[in-house]
């Protein structure tokens, strides 16, 4: 429930902000070892960024700030990124914390860059 609230808050309050960063304090199970909690936090933040970016893309398309072709392209990129986040989650479940951390960090960086690209494109209109 709290994770859903954080995702909704991030999407509504910060979705169109060019300097958007995922909120701190995303809840993570205390039963995980510290290293795994750190990775899970990055994975959760990446998922929030995907949701926020998808909502910004949809809103920008609705307002005519991006074309339908651009909307589909961004949506496809986000789907691919979501699969990579799922892959990082799978690596974490398998106990490969180092690979999961690397995958999660890289994809979160890529999602953040895409979010900024979407926001910048909307500002140019």
PDB file of N, CA and C in Angstrom:
ATOM      1  N   UNK A   1       0.821  -1.187   0.000  1.00  0.00           N
ATOM      2  CA  UNK A   1       0.000   0.000   0.000  1.00  0.00           C
ATOM      3  C   UNK A   1       0.868   1.255   0.000  1.00  0.00           C
ATOM      4  N   UNK A   2       1.862   1.280   0.865  1.00  0.00           N
ATOM      5  CA  UNK A   2       2.721   2.460   0.940  1.00  0.00           C
ATOM      6  C   UNK A   2       3.506   2.643  -0.357  1.00  0.00           C
ATOM      7  N   UNK A   3       3.987   1.531  -0.952  1.00  0.00           N
ATOM      8  CA  UNK A   3       4.719   1.619  -2.208  1.00  0.00           C
ATOM      9  C   UNK A   3       3.821   2.197  -3.288  1.00  0.00           C
ATOM     10  N   UNK A   4       2.563   1.780  -3.309  1.00  0.00           N
ATOM     11  CA  UNK A   4       1.619   2.312  -4.277  1.00  0.00           C
ATOM     12  C   UNK A   4       1.448   3.814  -4.076  1.00  0.00           C
ATOM     13  N   UNK A   5       1.319   4.247  -2.828  1.00  0.00           N
ATOM     14  CA  UNK A   5       1.186   5.669  -2.535  1.00  0.00           C
ATOM     15  C   UNK A   5       2.408   6.443  -3.025  1.00  0.00           C
ATOM     16  N   UNK A   6       3.597   5.907  -2.767  1.00  0.00           N
ATOM     17  CA  UNK A   6       4.829   6.576  -3.203  1.00  0.00           C
ATOM     18  C   UNK A   6       4.849   6.682  -4.721  1.00  0.00           C
ATOM     19  N   UNK A   7       4.464   5.604  -5.412  1.00  0.00           N
ATOM     20  CA  UNK A   7       4.454   5.624  -6.875  1.00  0.00           C
ATOM     21  C   UNK A   7       3.460   6.642  -7.400  1.00  0.00           C
ATOM     22  N   UNK A   8       2.281   6.684  -6.794  1.00  0.00           N
ATOM     23  CA  UNK A   8       1.275   7.649  -7.225  1.00  0.00           C
ATOM     24  C   UNK A   8       1.758   9.067  -6.951  1.00  0.00           C
ATOM     25  N   UNK A   9       2.296   9.297  -5.772  1.00  0.00           N
ATOM     26  CA  UNK A   9       2.812  10.623  -5.436  1.00  0.00           C
ATOM     27  C   UNK A   9       3.892  11.052  -6.423  1.00  0.00           C
ATOM     28  N   UNK A  10       4.829  10.149  -6.699  1.00  0.00           N
ATOM     29  CA  UNK A  10       5.925  10.484  -7.612  1.00  0.00           C
ATOM     30  C   UNK A  10       5.394  10.804  -8.994  1.00  0.00           C
ATOM     31  N   UNK A  11       4.412  10.044  -9.428  1.00  0.00           N
ATOM     32  CA  UNK A  11       3.843  10.244 -10.747  1.00  0.00           C
ATOM     33  C   UNK A  11       3.111  11.572 -10.845  1.00  0.00           C
ATOM     34  N   UNK A  12       2.298  11.858  -9.856  1.00  0.00           N
ATOM     35  CA  UNK A  12       1.486  13.077  -9.902  1.00  0.00           C
ATOM     36  C   UNK A  12       2.322  14.316  -9.619  1.00  0.00           C
ATOM     37  N   UNK A  13       3.070  14.280  -8.530  1.00  0.00           N
ATOM     38  CA  UNK A  13       3.766  15.480  -8.078  1.00  0.00           C
ATOM     39  C   UNK A  13       5.019  15.798  -8.869  1.00  0.00           C
ATOM     40  N   UNK A  14       5.713  14.784  -9.314  1.00  0.00           N
ATOM     41  CA  UNK A  14       7.020  15.029  -9.904  1.00  0.00           C
ATOM     42  C   UNK A  14       7.147  14.552 -11.342  1.00  0.00           C
ATOM     43  N   UNK A  15       6.106  13.983 -11.899  1.00  0.00           N
ATOM     44  CA  UNK A  15       6.181  13.349 -13.205  1.00  0.00           C
ATOM     45  C   UNK A  15       6.720  14.212 -14.322  1.00  0.00           C
ATOM     46  N   UNK A  16       6.354  15.476 -14.383  1.00  0.00           N
ATOM     47  CA  UNK A  16       6.788  16.318 -15.488  1.00  0.00           C
ATOM     48  C   UNK A  16       8.027  17.126 -15.196  1.00  0.00           C
ATOM     49  N   UNK A  17       8.584  16.947 -14.048  1.00  0.00           N
ATOM     50  CA  UNK A  17       9.732  17.741 -13.621  1.00  0.00           C
ATOM     51  C   UNK A  17      11.007  17.234 -14.275  1.00  0.00           C
ATOM     52  N   UNK A  18      11.726  18.108 -14.935  1.00  0.00           N
ATOM     53  CA  UNK A  18      12.942  17.701 -15.643  1.00  0.00           C
ATOM     54  C   UNK A  18      14.006  17.173 -14.702  1.00  0.00           C
ATOM     55  N   UNK A  19      14.034  17.637 -13.480  1.00  0.00           N
ATOM     56  CA  UNK A  19      15.031  17.193 -12.518  1.00  0.00           C
ATOM     57  C   UNK A  19      14.526  16.063 -11.650  1.00  0.00           C
ATOM     58  N   UNK A  20      13.513  15.359 -12.130  1.00  0.00           N
ATOM     59  CA  UNK A  20      12.872  14.309 -11.343  1.00  0.00           C
ATOM     60  C   UNK A  20      13.865  13.228 -10.920  1.00  0.00           C
ATOM     61  N   UNK A  21      13.836  12.935  -9.645  1.00  0.00           N
ATOM     62  CA  UNK A  21      14.574  11.800  -9.101  1.00  0.00           C
ATOM     63  C   UNK A  21      13.602  11.002  -8.261  1.00  0.00           C
ATOM     64  N   UNK A  22      13.758   9.702  -8.214  1.00  0.00           N
ATOM     65  CA  UNK A  22      12.856   8.867  -7.421  1.00  0.00           C
ATOM     66  C   UNK A  22      12.954   9.272  -5.958  1.00  0.00           C
ATOM     67  N   UNK A  23      11.841   9.210  -5.252  1.00  0.00           N
ATOM     68  CA  UNK A  23      11.842   9.604  -3.852  1.00  0.00           C
ATOM     69  C   UNK A  23      12.669   8.659  -2.991  1.00  0.00           C
ATOM     70  N   UNK A  24      13.255   9.218  -1.967  1.00  0.00           N
ATOM     71  CA  UNK A  24      14.021   8.403  -1.029  1.00  0.00           C
ATOM     72  C   UNK A  24      13.046   7.706  -0.090  1.00  0.00           C
ATOM     73  N   UNK A  25      13.499   6.667   0.531  1.00  0.00           N
ATOM     74  CA  UNK A  25      12.689   6.019   1.540  1.00  0.00           C
ATOM     75  C   UNK A  25      11.671   5.042   1.006  1.00  0.00           C
ATOM     76  N   UNK A  26      11.862   4.505  -0.191  1.00  0.00           N
ATOM     77  CA  UNK A  26      10.956   3.491  -0.708  1.00  0.00           C
ATOM     78  C   UNK A  26      11.073   2.274   0.210  1.00  0.00           C
ATOM     79  N   UNK A  27       9.942   1.776   0.737  1.00  0.00           N
ATOM     80  CA  UNK A  27      10.016   0.680   1.700  1.00  0.00           C
ATOM     81  C   UNK A  27      10.612  -0.595   1.107  1.00  0.00           C
ATOM     82  N   UNK A  28      11.481  -1.228   1.877  1.00  0.00           N
ATOM     83  CA  UNK A  28      12.124  -2.473   1.485  1.00  0.00           C
ATOM     84  C   UNK A  28      12.092  -3.391   2.702  1.00  0.00           C
ATOM     85  N   UNK A  29      11.904  -4.670   2.452  1.00  0.00           N
ATOM     86  CA  UNK A  29      11.818  -5.654   3.532  1.00  0.00           C
ATOM     87  C   UNK A  29      13.067  -5.624   4.409  1.00  0.00           C
ATOM     88  N   UNK A  30      12.851  -5.582   5.703  1.00  0.00           N
ATOM     89  CA  UNK A  30      13.958  -5.592   6.669  1.00  0.00           C
ATOM     90  C   UNK A  30      14.575  -6.982   6.778  1.00  0.00           C
ATOM     91  N   UNK A  31      13.899  -7.995   6.228  1.00  0.00           N
ATOM     92  CA  UNK A  31      14.433  -9.359   6.318  1.00  0.00           C
ATOM     93  C   UNK A  31      15.574  -9.614   5.335  1.00  0.00           C
ATOM     94  N   UNK A  32      15.746  -8.705   4.364  1.00  0.00           N
ATOM     95  CA  UNK A  32      16.833  -8.850   3.397  1.00  0.00           C
ATOM     96  C   UNK A  32      18.151  -8.413   4.020  1.00  0.00           C
ATOM     97  N   UNK A  33      19.255  -9.037   3.602  1.00  0.00           N
ATOM     98  CA  UNK A  33      20.567  -8.533   4.034  1.00  0.00           C
ATOM     99  C   UNK A  33      20.767  -7.097   3.513  1.00  0.00           C
ATOM    100  N   UNK A  34      21.623  -6.347   4.172  1.00  0.00           N
ATOM    101  CA  UNK A  34      21.833  -4.940   3.822  1.00  0.00           C
ATOM    102  C   UNK A  34      22.140  -4.743   2.344  1.00  0.00           C
ATOM    103  N   UNK A  35      23.040  -5.541   1.785  1.00  0.00           N
ATOM    104  CA  UNK A  35      23.403  -5.395   0.368  1.00  0.00           C
ATOM    105  C   UNK A  35      22.190  -5.627  -0.533  1.00  0.00           C
ATOM    106  N   UNK A  36      21.383  -6.617  -0.199  1.00  0.00           N
ATOM    107  CA  UNK A  36      20.186  -6.907  -0.995  1.00  0.00           C
ATOM    108  C   UNK A  36      19.145  -5.801  -0.845  1.00  0.00           C
ATOM    109  N   UNK A  37      19.035  -5.225   0.347  1.00  0.00           N
ATOM    110  CA  UNK A  37      18.100  -4.109   0.554  1.00  0.00           C
ATOM    111  C   UNK A  37      18.483  -2.924  -0.323  1.00  0.00           C
ATOM    112  N   UNK A  38      19.778  -2.672  -0.421  1.00  0.00           N
ATOM    113  CA  UNK A  38      20.259  -1.575  -1.259  1.00  0.00           C
ATOM    114  C   UNK A  38      19.862  -1.792  -2.714  1.00  0.00           C
ATOM    115  N   UNK A  39      20.047  -3.004  -3.204  1.00  0.00           N
ATOM    116  CA  UNK A  39      19.681  -3.328  -4.588  1.00  0.00           C
ATOM    117  C   UNK A  39      18.169  -3.232  -4.758  1.00  0.00           C
ATOM    118  N   UNK A  40      17.423  -3.748  -3.798  1.00  0.00           N
ATOM    119  CA  UNK A  40      15.964  -3.709  -3.897  1.00  0.00           C
ATOM    120  C   UNK A  40      15.458  -2.270  -3.933  1.00  0.00           C
ATOM    121  N   UNK A  41      16.103  -1.403  -3.190  1.00  0.00           N
ATOM    122  CA  UNK A  41      15.731   0.015  -3.211  1.00  0.00           C
ATOM    123  C   UNK A  41      15.911   0.598  -4.608  1.00  0.00           C
ATOM    124  N   UNK A  42      17.027   0.311  -5.243  1.00  0.00           N
ATOM    125  CA  UNK A  42      17.271   0.814  -6.601  1.00  0.00           C
ATOM    126  C   UNK A  42      16.240   0.234  -7.575  1.00  0.00           C
ATOM    127  N   UNK A  43      15.915  -1.035  -7.427  1.00  0.00           N
ATOM    128  CA  UNK A  43      14.910  -1.669  -8.290  1.00  0.00           C
ATOM    129  C   UNK A  43      13.554  -0.991  -8.094  1.00  0.00           C
ATOM    130  N   UNK A  44      13.173  -0.761  -6.847  1.00  0.00           N
ATOM    131  CA  UNK A  44      11.901  -0.093  -6.571  1.00  0.00           C
ATOM    132  C   UNK A  44      11.877   1.310  -7.171  1.00  0.00           C
ATOM    133  N   UNK A  45      12.965   2.040  -7.015  1.00  0.00           N
ATOM    134  CA  UNK A  45      13.047   3.388  -7.574  1.00  0.00           C
ATOM    135  C   UNK A  45      12.963   3.354  -9.095  1.00  0.00           C
ATOM    136  N   UNK A  46      13.594   2.369  -9.714  1.00  0.00           N
ATOM    137  CA  UNK A  46      13.524   2.231 -11.175  1.00  0.00           C
ATOM    138  C   UNK A  46      12.086   1.984 -11.617  1.00  0.00           C
ATOM    139  N   UNK A  47      11.367   1.150 -10.883  1.00  0.00           N
ATOM    140  CA  UNK A  47       9.965   0.896 -11.214  1.00  0.00           C
ATOM    141  C   UNK A  47       9.121   2.166 -11.083  1.00  0.00           C
ATOM    142  N   UNK A  48       9.392   2.960 -10.066  1.00  0.00           N
ATOM    143  CA  UNK A  48       8.672   4.223  -9.896  1.00  0.00           C
ATOM    144  C   UNK A  48       8.987   5.166 -11.062  1.00  0.00           C
ATOM    145  N   UNK A  49      10.247   5.220 -11.453  1.00  0.00           N
ATOM    146  CA  UNK A  49      10.635   6.073 -12.588  1.00  0.00           C
ATOM    147  C   UNK A  49       9.949   5.626 -13.878  1.00  0.00           C
ATOM    148  N   UNK A  50       9.836   4.329 -14.085  1.00  0.00           N
ATOM    149  CA  UNK A  50       9.157   3.823 -15.285  1.00  0.00           C
ATOM    150  C   UNK A  50       7.706   4.283 -15.287  1.00  0.00           C
ATOM    151  N   UNK A  51       7.039   4.131 -14.154  1.00  0.00           N
ATOM    152  CA  UNK A  51       5.638   4.545 -14.051  1.00  0.00           C
ATOM    153  C   UNK A  51       5.490   6.044 -14.286  1.00  0.00           C
ATOM    154  N   UNK A  52       6.336   6.817 -13.649  1.00  0.00           N
ATOM    155  CA  UNK A  52       6.271   8.272 -13.812  1.00  0.00           C
ATOM    156  C   UNK A  52       6.522   8.677 -15.259  1.00  0.00           C
ATOM    157  N   UNK A  53       7.516   8.090 -15.879  1.00  0.00           N
ATOM    158  CA  UNK A  53       7.848   8.431 -17.263  1.00  0.00           C
ATOM    159  C   UNK A  53       6.723   8.026 -18.208  1.00  0.00           C
ATOM    160  N   UNK A  54       6.160   6.849 -17.988  1.00  0.00           N
ATOM    161  CA  UNK A  54       5.039   6.404 -18.833  1.00  0.00           C
ATOM    162  C   UNK A  54       3.864   7.368 -18.723  1.00  0.00           C
ATOM    163  N   UNK A  55       3.596   7.851 -17.525  1.00  0.00           N
ATOM    164  CA  UNK A  55       2.504   8.805 -17.337  1.00  0.00           C
ATOM    165  C   UNK A  55       2.795  10.145 -18.003  1.00  0.00           C
ATOM    166  N   UNK A  56       4.042  10.578 -17.939  1.00  0.00           N
ATOM    167  CA  UNK A  56       4.414  11.833 -18.607  1.00  0.00           C
ATOM    168  C   UNK A  56       4.290  11.674 -20.120  1.00  0.00           C
ATOM    169  N   UNK A  57       4.713  10.544 -20.653  1.00  0.00           N
ATOM    170  CA  UNK A  57       4.590  10.289 -22.092  1.00  0.00           C
ATOM    171  C   UNK A  57       3.112  10.333 -22.499  1.00  0.00           C
ATOM    172  N   UNK A  58       2.268   9.654 -21.735  1.00  0.00           N
ATOM    173  CA  UNK A  58       0.837   9.633 -22.056  1.00  0.00           C
ATOM    174  C   UNK A  58       0.240  11.048 -22.009  1.00  0.00           C
ATOM    175  N   UNK A  59       0.604  11.799 -20.993  1.00  0.00           N
ATOM    176  CA  UNK A  59       0.088  13.167 -20.860  1.00  0.00           C
ATOM    177  C   UNK A  59       0.596  14.061 -21.991  1.00  0.00           C
ATOM    178  N   UNK A  60       1.869  13.930 -22.326  1.00  0.00           N
ATOM    179  CA  UNK A  60       2.437  14.735 -23.413  1.00  0.00           C
ATOM    180  C   UNK A  60       1.762  14.404 -24.739  1.00  0.00           C
ATOM    181  N   UNK A  61       1.462  13.132 -24.961  1.00  0.00           N
ATOM    182  CA  UNK A  61       0.774  12.742 -26.194  1.00  0.00           C
ATOM    183  C   UNK A  61      -0.647  13.300 -26.200  1.00  0.00           C
ATOM    184  N   UNK A  62      -1.321  13.232 -25.068  1.00  0.00           N
ATOM    185  CA  UNK A  62      -2.683  13.753 -24.946  1.00  0.00           C
ATOM    186  C   UNK A  62      -2.734  15.254 -25.222  1.00  0.00           C
ATOM    187  N   UNK A  63      -1.700  15.963 -24.771  1.00  0.00           N
ATOM    188  CA  UNK A  63      -1.644  17.416 -24.966  1.00  0.00           C
ATOM    189  C   UNK A  63      -1.070  17.809 -26.324  1.00  0.00           C
ATOM    190  N   UNK A  64      -0.672  16.819 -27.129  1.00  0.00           N
ATOM    191  CA  UNK A  64      -0.143  17.102 -28.454  1.00  0.00           C
ATOM    192  C   UNK A  64       1.305  17.567 -28.460  1.00  0.00           C
ATOM    193  N   UNK A  65       2.007  17.339 -27.362  1.00  0.00           N
ATOM    194  CA  UNK A  65       3.408  17.767 -27.277  1.00  0.00           C
ATOM    195  C   UNK A  65       4.358  16.781 -27.943  1.00  0.00           C
ATOM    196  N   UNK A  66       3.888  15.545 -28.115  1.00  0.00           N
ATOM    197  CA  UNK A  66       4.661  14.547 -28.857  1.00  0.00           C
ATOM    198  C   UNK A  66       3.709  13.846 -29.825  1.00  0.00           C
ATOM    199  N   UNK A  67       4.257  13.298 -30.880  1.00  0.00           N
ATOM    200  CA  UNK A  67       3.434  12.605 -31.871  1.00  0.00           C
ATOM    201  C   UNK A  67       3.094  11.201 -31.380  1.00  0.00           C
ATOM    202  N   UNK A  68       2.154  10.591 -32.055  1.00  0.00           N
ATOM    203  CA  UNK A  68       1.785   9.204 -31.738  1.00  0.00           C
ATOM    204  C   UNK A  68       2.979   8.275 -31.959  1.00  0.00           C
ATOM    205  N   UNK A  69       3.751   8.541 -32.995  1.00  0.00           N
ATOM    206  CA  UNK A  69       4.941   7.731 -33.270  1.00  0.00           C
ATOM    207  C   UNK A  69       5.948   7.839 -32.132  1.00  0.00           C
ATOM    208  N   UNK A  70       6.149   9.058 -31.644  1.00  0.00           N
ATOM    209  CA  UNK A  70       7.056   9.254 -30.509  1.00  0.00           C
ATOM    210  C   UNK A  70       6.522   8.554 -29.264  1.00  0.00           C
ATOM    211  N   UNK A  71       5.225   8.648 -29.048  1.00  0.00           N
ATOM    212  CA  UNK A  71       4.605   7.985 -27.895  1.00  0.00           C
ATOM    213  C   UNK A  71       4.869   6.480 -27.936  1.00  0.00           C
ATOM    214  N   UNK A  72       4.655   5.882 -29.095  1.00  0.00           N
ATOM    215  CA  UNK A  72       4.872   4.440 -29.247  1.00  0.00           C
ATOM    216  C   UNK A  72       6.346   4.098 -29.038  1.00  0.00           C
ATOM    217  N   UNK A  73       7.229   4.932 -29.564  1.00  0.00           N
ATOM    218  CA  UNK A  73       8.663   4.694 -29.400  1.00  0.00           C
ATOM    219  C   UNK A  73       9.063   4.749 -27.933  1.00  0.00           C
ATOM    220  N   UNK A  74       8.593   5.765 -27.215  1.00  0.00           N
ATOM    221  CA  UNK A  74       8.897   5.877 -25.783  1.00  0.00           C
ATOM    222  C   UNK A  74       8.296   4.700 -25.014  1.00  0.00           C
ATOM    223  N   UNK A  75       7.063   4.339 -25.360  1.00  0.00           N
ATOM    224  CA  UNK A  75       6.418   3.205 -24.679  1.00  0.00           C
ATOM    225  C   UNK A  75       7.223   1.916 -24.882  1.00  0.00           C
ATOM    226  N   UNK A  76       7.699   1.699 -26.098  1.00  0.00           N
ATOM    227  CA  UNK A  76       8.496   0.503 -26.378  1.00  0.00           C
ATOM    228  C   UNK A  76       9.809   0.511 -25.594  1.00  0.00           C
ATOM    229  N   UNK A  77      10.440   1.676 -25.516  1.00  0.00           N
ATOM    230  CA  UNK A  77      11.675   1.792 -24.732  1.00  0.00           C
ATOM    231  C   UNK A  77      11.402   1.489 -23.257  1.00  0.00           C
ATOM    232  N   UNK A  78      10.288   2.002 -22.745  1.00  0.00           N
ATOM    233  CA  UNK A  78       9.942   1.764 -21.341  1.00  0.00           C
ATOM    234  C   UNK A  78       9.643   0.291 -21.081  1.00  0.00           C
ATOM    235  N   UNK A  79       8.982  -0.363 -22.026  1.00  0.00           N
ATOM    236  CA  UNK A  79       8.717  -1.802 -21.875  1.00  0.00           C
ATOM    237  C   UNK A  79      10.032  -2.578 -21.814  1.00  0.00           C
ATOM    238  N   UNK A  80      10.969  -2.218 -22.682  1.00  0.00           N
ATOM    239  CA  UNK A  80      12.274  -2.878 -22.679  1.00  0.00           C
ATOM    240  C   UNK A  80      13.002  -2.627 -21.353  1.00  0.00           C
ATOM    241  N   UNK A  81      12.928  -1.400 -20.872  1.00  0.00           N
ATOM    242  CA  UNK A  81      13.568  -1.071 -19.601  1.00  0.00           C
ATOM    243  C   UNK A  81      12.913  -1.820 -18.445  1.00  0.00           C
ATOM    244  N   UNK A  82      11.603  -1.961 -18.493  1.00  0.00           N
ATOM    245  CA  UNK A  82      10.892  -2.704 -17.445  1.00  0.00           C
ATOM    246  C   UNK A  82      11.350  -4.164 -17.416  1.00  0.00           C
ATOM    247  N   UNK A  83      11.585  -4.740 -18.587  1.00  0.00           N
ATOM    248  CA  UNK A  83      12.090  -6.115 -18.648  1.00  0.00           C
ATOM    249  C   UNK A  83      13.472  -6.208 -18.005  1.00  0.00           C
ATOM    250  N   UNK A  84      14.287  -5.185 -18.210  1.00  0.00           N
ATOM    251  CA  UNK A  84      15.624  -5.185 -17.615  1.00  0.00           C
ATOM    252  C   UNK A  84      15.561  -5.015 -16.093  1.00  0.00           C
ATOM    253  N   UNK A  85      14.595  -4.237 -15.622  1.00  0.00           N
ATOM    254  CA  UNK A  85      14.400  -4.122 -14.176  1.00  0.00           C
ATOM    255  C   UNK A  85      13.959  -5.474 -13.621  1.00  0.00           C
ATOM    256  N   UNK A  86      13.052  -6.148 -14.342  1.00  0.00           N
ATOM    257  CA  UNK A  86      12.624  -7.485 -13.921  1.00  0.00           C
ATOM    258  C   UNK A  86      13.804  -8.454 -13.888  1.00  0.00           C
ATOM    259  N   UNK A  87      14.699  -8.298 -14.851  1.00  0.00           N
ATOM    260  CA  UNK A  87      15.898  -9.138 -14.886  1.00  0.00           C
ATOM    261  C   UNK A  87      16.775  -8.899 -13.655  1.00  0.00           C
ATOM    262  N   UNK A  88      16.917  -7.638 -13.271  1.00  0.00           N
ATOM    263  CA  UNK A  88      17.683  -7.323 -12.059  1.00  0.00           C
ATOM    264  C   UNK A  88      17.006  -7.931 -10.836  1.00  0.00           C
ATOM    265  N   UNK A  89      15.671  -7.885 -10.800  1.00  0.00           N
ATOM    266  CA  UNK A  89      14.929  -8.492  -9.687  1.00  0.00           C
ATOM    267  C   UNK A  89      15.172  -9.993  -9.645  1.00  0.00           C
ATOM    268  N   UNK A  90      15.169 -10.628 -10.816  1.00  0.00           N
ATOM    269  CA  UNK A  90      15.432 -12.069 -10.880  1.00  0.00           C
ATOM    270  C   UNK A  90      16.836 -12.400 -10.384  1.00  0.00           C
ATOM    271  N   UNK A  91      17.806 -11.591 -10.788  1.00  0.00           N
ATOM    272  CA  UNK A  91      19.185 -11.810 -10.323  1.00  0.00           C
ATOM    273  C   UNK A  91      19.263 -11.691  -8.804  1.00  0.00           C
ATOM    274  N   UNK A  92      18.544 -10.728  -8.253  1.00  0.00           N
ATOM    275  CA  UNK A  92      18.539 -10.556  -6.801  1.00  0.00           C
ATOM    276  C   UNK A  92      17.900 -11.765  -6.124  1.00  0.00           C
ATOM    277  N   UNK A  93      16.798 -12.245  -6.662  1.00  0.00           N
ATOM    278  CA  UNK A  93      16.139 -13.435  -6.102  1.00  0.00           C
ATOM    279  C   UNK A  93      17.063 -14.649  -6.124  1.00  0.00           C
ATOM    280  N   UNK A  94      17.893 -14.725  -7.160  1.00  0.00           N
ATOM    281  CA  UNK A  94      18.829 -15.851  -7.284  1.00  0.00           C
ATOM    282  C   UNK A  94      20.055 -15.680  -6.397  1.00  0.00           C
ATOM    283  N   UNK A  95      20.164 -14.517  -5.755  1.00  0.00           N
ATOM    284  CA  UNK A  95      21.277 -14.275  -4.840  1.00  0.00           C
ATOM    285  C   UNK A  95      22.504 -13.659  -5.468  1.00  0.00           C
ATOM    286  N   UNK A  96      22.415 -13.275  -6.737  1.00  0.00           N
ATOM    287  CA  UNK A  96      23.561 -12.645  -7.410  1.00  0.00           C
ATOM    288  C   UNK A  96      23.475 -11.135  -7.205  1.00  0.00           C
ATOM    289  N   UNK A  97      23.829 -10.713  -6.013  1.00  0.00           N
ATOM    290  CA  UNK A  97      23.657  -9.319  -5.609  1.00  0.00           C
ATOM    291  C   UNK A  97      24.501  -8.369  -6.452  1.00  0.00           C
ATOM    292  N   UNK A  98      25.722  -8.755  -6.778  1.00  0.00           N
ATOM    293  CA  UNK A  98      26.603  -7.880  -7.554  1.00  0.00           C
ATOM    294  C   UNK A  98      26.036  -7.616  -8.945  1.00  0.00           C
ATOM    295  N   UNK A  99      25.638  -8.664  -9.640  1.00  0.00           N
ATOM    296  CA  UNK A  99      25.063  -8.479 -10.982  1.00  0.00           C
ATOM    297  C   UNK A  99      23.735  -7.732 -10.913  1.00  0.00           C
ATOM    298  N   UNK A 100      22.940  -8.025  -9.896  1.00  0.00           N
ATOM    299  CA  UNK A 100      21.660  -7.336  -9.736  1.00  0.00           C
ATOM    300  C   UNK A 100      21.898  -5.844  -9.511  1.00  0.00           C
ATOM    301  N   UNK A 101      22.889  -5.510  -8.689  1.00  0.00           N
ATOM    302  CA  UNK A 101      23.205  -4.098  -8.411  1.00  0.00           C
ATOM    303  C   UNK A 101      23.642  -3.384  -9.681  1.00  0.00           C
ATOM    304  N   UNK A 102      24.526  -4.023 -10.435  1.00  0.00           N
ATOM    305  CA  UNK A 102      25.005  -3.426 -11.682  1.00  0.00           C
ATOM    306  C   UNK A 102      23.857  -3.200 -12.657  1.00  0.00           C
ATOM    307  N   UNK A 103      23.030  -4.224 -12.849  1.00  0.00           N
ATOM    308  CA  UNK A 103      21.891  -4.130 -13.767  1.00  0.00           C
ATOM    309  C   UNK A 103      20.923  -3.033 -13.313  1.00  0.00           C
ATOM    310  N   UNK A 104      20.602  -3.027 -12.030  1.00  0.00           N
ATOM    311  CA  UNK A 104      19.646  -2.045 -11.505  1.00  0.00           C
ATOM    312  C   UNK A 104      20.184  -0.618 -11.632  1.00  0.00           C
ATOM    313  N   UNK A 105      21.452  -0.415 -11.301  1.00  0.00           N
ATOM    314  CA  UNK A 105      22.035   0.926 -11.402  1.00  0.00           C
ATOM    315  C   UNK A 105      22.043   1.424 -12.845  1.00  0.00           C
ATOM    316  N   UNK A 106      22.440   0.566 -13.769  1.00  0.00           N
ATOM    317  CA  UNK A 106      22.502   0.968 -15.178  1.00  0.00           C
ATOM    318  C   UNK A 106      21.122   1.299 -15.727  1.00  0.00           C
ATOM    319  N   UNK A 107      20.152   0.460 -15.419  1.00  0.00           N
ATOM    320  CA  UNK A 107      18.823   0.697 -15.983  1.00  0.00           C
ATOM    321  C   UNK A 107      18.166   1.907 -15.329  1.00  0.00           C
ATOM    322  N   UNK A 108      18.405   2.126 -14.042  1.00  0.00           N
ATOM    323  CA  UNK A 108      17.849   3.328 -13.395  1.00  0.00           C
ATOM    324  C   UNK A 108      18.438   4.583 -14.041  1.00  0.00           C
ATOM    325  N   UNK A 109      19.722   4.547 -14.340  1.00  0.00           N
ATOM    326  CA  UNK A 109      20.362   5.676 -15.028  1.00  0.00           C
ATOM    327  C   UNK A 109      19.711   5.900 -16.393  1.00  0.00           C
ATOM    328  N   UNK A 110      19.481   4.815 -17.143  1.00  0.00           N
ATOM    329  CA  UNK A 110      18.882   4.921 -18.476  1.00  0.00           C
ATOM    330  C   UNK A 110      17.442   5.445 -18.398  1.00  0.00           C
ATOM    331  N   UNK A 111      16.691   4.991 -17.401  1.00  0.00           N
ATOM    332  CA  UNK A 111      15.309   5.455 -17.243  1.00  0.00           C
ATOM    333  C   UNK A 111      15.298   6.944 -16.904  1.00  0.00           C
ATOM    334  N   UNK A 112      16.177   7.357 -16.019  1.00  0.00           N
ATOM    335  CA  UNK A 112      16.259   8.768 -15.648  1.00  0.00           C
ATOM    336  C   UNK A 112      16.592   9.621 -16.873  1.00  0.00           C
ATOM    337  N   UNK A 113      17.520   9.148 -17.691  1.00  0.00           N
ATOM    338  CA  UNK A 113      17.882   9.876 -18.915  1.00  0.00           C
ATOM    339  C   UNK A 113      16.686   9.968 -19.866  1.00  0.00           C
ATOM    340  N   UNK A 114      15.935   8.880 -19.995  1.00  0.00           N
ATOM    341  CA  UNK A 114      14.760   8.896 -20.871  1.00  0.00           C
ATOM    342  C   UNK A 114      13.705   9.863 -20.327  1.00  0.00           C
ATOM    343  N   UNK A 115      13.525   9.846 -19.027  1.00  0.00           N
ATOM    344  CA  UNK A 115      12.552  10.770 -18.416  1.00  0.00           C
ATOM    345  C   UNK A 115      12.931  12.220 -18.716  1.00  0.00           C
ATOM    346  N   UNK A 116      14.190  12.525 -18.575  1.00  0.00           N
ATOM    347  CA  UNK A 116      14.654  13.889 -18.867  1.00  0.00           C
ATOM    348  C   UNK A 116      14.477  14.242 -20.337  1.00  0.00           C
ATOM    349  N   UNK A 117      14.701  13.267 -21.215  1.00  0.00           N
ATOM    350  CA  UNK A 117      14.509  13.486 -22.651  1.00  0.00           C
ATOM    351  C   UNK A 117      13.040  13.814 -22.949  1.00  0.00           C
ATOM    352  N   UNK A 118      12.140  13.060 -22.347  1.00  0.00           N
ATOM    353  CA  UNK A 118      10.704  13.288 -22.551  1.00  0.00           C
ATOM    354  C   UNK A 118      10.322  14.681 -22.046  1.00  0.00           C
ATOM    355  N   UNK A 119      10.797  15.045 -20.856  1.00  0.00           N
ATOM    356  CA  UNK A 119      10.490  16.356 -20.284  1.00  0.00           C
ATOM    357  C   UNK A 119      11.062  17.481 -21.139  1.00  0.00           C
ATOM    358  N   UNK A 120      12.287  17.312 -21.628  1.00  0.00           N
ATOM    359  CA  UNK A 120      12.917  18.336 -22.455  1.00  0.00           C
ATOM    360  C   UNK A 120      12.162  18.520 -23.765  1.00  0.00           C
ATOM    361  N   UNK A 121      11.714  17.428 -24.336  1.00  0.00           N
ATOM    362  CA  UNK A 121      10.970  17.501 -25.601  1.00  0.00           C
ATOM    363  C   UNK A 121       9.675  18.284 -25.401  1.00  0.00           C
ATOM    364  N   UNK A 122       9.025  18.053 -24.267  1.00  0.00           N
ATOM    365  CA  UNK A 122       7.780  18.765 -23.980  1.00  0.00           C
ATOM    366  C   UNK A 122       8.044  20.265 -23.785  1.00  0.00           C
ATOM    367  N   UNK A 123       9.164  20.607 -23.160  1.00  0.00           N
ATOM    368  CA  UNK A 123       9.484  22.018 -22.932  1.00  0.00           C
ATOM    369  C   UNK A 123       9.758  22.748 -24.242  1.00  0.00           C
ATOM    370  N   UNK A 124      10.281  22.046 -25.236  1.00  0.00           N
ATOM    371  CA  UNK A 124      10.594  22.682 -26.516  1.00  0.00           C
ATOM    372  C   UNK A 124       9.328  23.064 -27.278  1.00  0.00           C
ATOM    373  N   UNK A 125       8.235  22.412 -26.988  1.00  0.00           N
ATOM    374  CA  UNK A 125       6.972  22.660 -27.717  1.00  0.00           C
ATOM    375  C   UNK A 125       6.344  23.935 -27.319  1.00  0.00           C
TER     376      UNK A 125
END
